C-alpha cells in the first residue's frame, strides 16, 4: 500500500516537471511573438503620429 502511494507521488512529480517544461517551451515563443507584435504595433502608431505632430508644428 505504501509503495503504491510512493509510486503515485513519483508519477505526479514527473508530470509536474513535464508540464512545467511544456509551459516554458510553449510560453517563451508565444511571449516573444507577442512582444514583437506589440513592438511593431507601437512603431506603427509612432509613424502615424509623427506626420500629425509635424503638421501641427508647421502651423
C-alpha atoms as a PDB file:
ATOM      1  CA  UNK A   1       0.000   0.000   0.000  1.00  0.00           C
ATOM      2  CA  UNK A   2       2.752   2.434   0.922  1.00  0.00           C
ATOM      3  CA  UNK A   3       4.738   1.545  -2.218  1.00  0.00           C
ATOM      4  CA  UNK A   4       1.713   2.298  -4.362  1.00  0.00           C
ATOM      5  CA  UNK A   5       1.376   5.794  -2.854  1.00  0.00           C
ATOM      6  CA  UNK A   6       5.093   6.428  -3.342  1.00  0.00           C
ATOM      7  CA  UNK A   7       4.763   5.381  -6.995  1.00  0.00           C
ATOM      8  CA  UNK A   8       1.875   7.833  -7.453  1.00  0.00           C
ATOM      9  CA  UNK A   9       3.926  10.661  -5.941  1.00  0.00           C
ATOM     10  CA  UNK A  10       6.756   9.906  -8.375  1.00  0.00           C
ATOM     11  CA  UNK A  11       4.317   9.985 -11.299  1.00  0.00           C
ATOM     12  CA  UNK A  12       2.715  13.259 -10.199  1.00  0.00           C
ATOM     13  CA  UNK A  13       6.088  14.956  -9.646  1.00  0.00           C
ATOM     14  CA  UNK A  14       7.235  13.707 -13.055  1.00  0.00           C
ATOM     15  CA  UNK A  15       4.032  15.057 -14.609  1.00  0.00           C
ATOM     16  CA  UNK A  16       4.578  18.391 -12.875  1.00  0.00           C
ATOM     17  CA  UNK A  17       8.109  18.622 -14.287  1.00  0.00           C
ATOM     18  CA  UNK A  18       6.904  17.709 -17.782  1.00  0.00           C
ATOM     19  CA  UNK A  19       4.062  20.231 -17.558  1.00  0.00           C
ATOM     20  CA  UNK A  20       6.433  22.982 -16.391  1.00  0.00           C
ATOM     21  CA  UNK A  21       8.837  22.186 -19.240  1.00  0.00           C
ATOM     22  CA  UNK A  22       5.918  22.198 -21.675  1.00  0.00           C
ATOM     23  CA  UNK A  23       4.644  25.512 -20.358  1.00  0.00           C
ATOM     24  CA  UNK A  24       8.101  27.059 -20.683  1.00  0.00           C
ATOM     25  CA  UNK A  25       8.589  25.648 -24.190  1.00  0.00           C
ATOM     26  CA  UNK A  26       5.179  26.935 -25.275  1.00  0.00           C
ATOM     27  CA  UNK A  27       5.196  30.168 -23.285  1.00  0.00           C
ATOM     28  CA  UNK A  28       8.582  31.525 -24.355  1.00  0.00           C
ATOM     29  CA  UNK A  29       7.886  31.559 -28.126  1.00  0.00           C
ATOM     30  CA  UNK A  30       4.362  32.901 -27.601  1.00  0.00           C
ATOM     31  CA  UNK A  31       5.575  35.694 -25.317  1.00  0.00           C
ATOM     32  CA  UNK A  32       8.387  36.619 -27.700  1.00  0.00           C
ATOM     33  CA  UNK A  33       5.912  36.731 -30.600  1.00  0.00           C
ATOM     34  CA  UNK A  34       3.563  38.897 -28.521  1.00  0.00           C
ATOM     35  CA  UNK A  35       6.422  41.252 -27.651  1.00  0.00           C
ATOM     36  CA  UNK A  36       7.381  41.510 -31.337  1.00  0.00           C
ATOM     37  CA  UNK A  37       3.745  42.210 -32.293  1.00  0.00           C
ATOM     38  CA  UNK A  38       3.415  44.875 -29.598  1.00  0.00           C
ATOM     39  CA  UNK A  39       6.714  46.450 -30.670  1.00  0.00           C
ATOM     40  CA  UNK A  40       5.682  46.638 -34.331  1.00  0.00           C
ATOM     41  CA  UNK A  41       2.237  47.905 -33.275  1.00  0.00           C
ATOM     42  CA  UNK A  42       3.759  50.758 -31.273  1.00  0.00           C
ATOM     43  CA  UNK A  43       6.215  51.544 -34.104  1.00  0.00           C
ATOM     44  CA  UNK A  44       3.234  51.847 -36.483  1.00  0.00           C
ATOM     45  CA  UNK A  45       1.429  54.159 -34.048  1.00  0.00           C
ATOM     46  CA  UNK A  46       4.593  56.263 -33.744  1.00  0.00           C
ATOM     47  CA  UNK A  47       4.874  56.519 -37.529  1.00  0.00           C
ATOM     48  CA  UNK A  48       1.220  57.533 -37.877  1.00  0.00           C
ATOM     49  CA  UNK A  49       1.531  60.147 -35.094  1.00  0.00           C
ATOM     50  CA  UNK A  50       4.745  61.744 -36.434  1.00  0.00           C
ATOM     51  CA  UNK A  51       3.139  63.394 -39.502  1.00  0.00           C
ATOM     52  CA  UNK A  52       0.387  64.800 -37.300  1.00  0.00           C
ATOM     53  CA  UNK A  53       2.983  66.314 -34.954  1.00  0.00           C
ATOM     54  CA  UNK A  54       4.878  67.763 -37.916  1.00  0.00           C
ATOM     55  CA  UNK A  55       1.662  69.280 -39.304  1.00  0.00           C
ATOM     56  CA  UNK A  56       0.810  70.966 -36.005  1.00  0.00           C
ATOM     57  CA  UNK A  57       4.364  72.278 -35.549  1.00  0.00           C
ATOM     58  CA  UNK A  58       4.342  73.778 -39.067  1.00  0.00           C
ATOM     59  CA  UNK A  59       1.175  75.789 -38.405  1.00  0.00           C
END
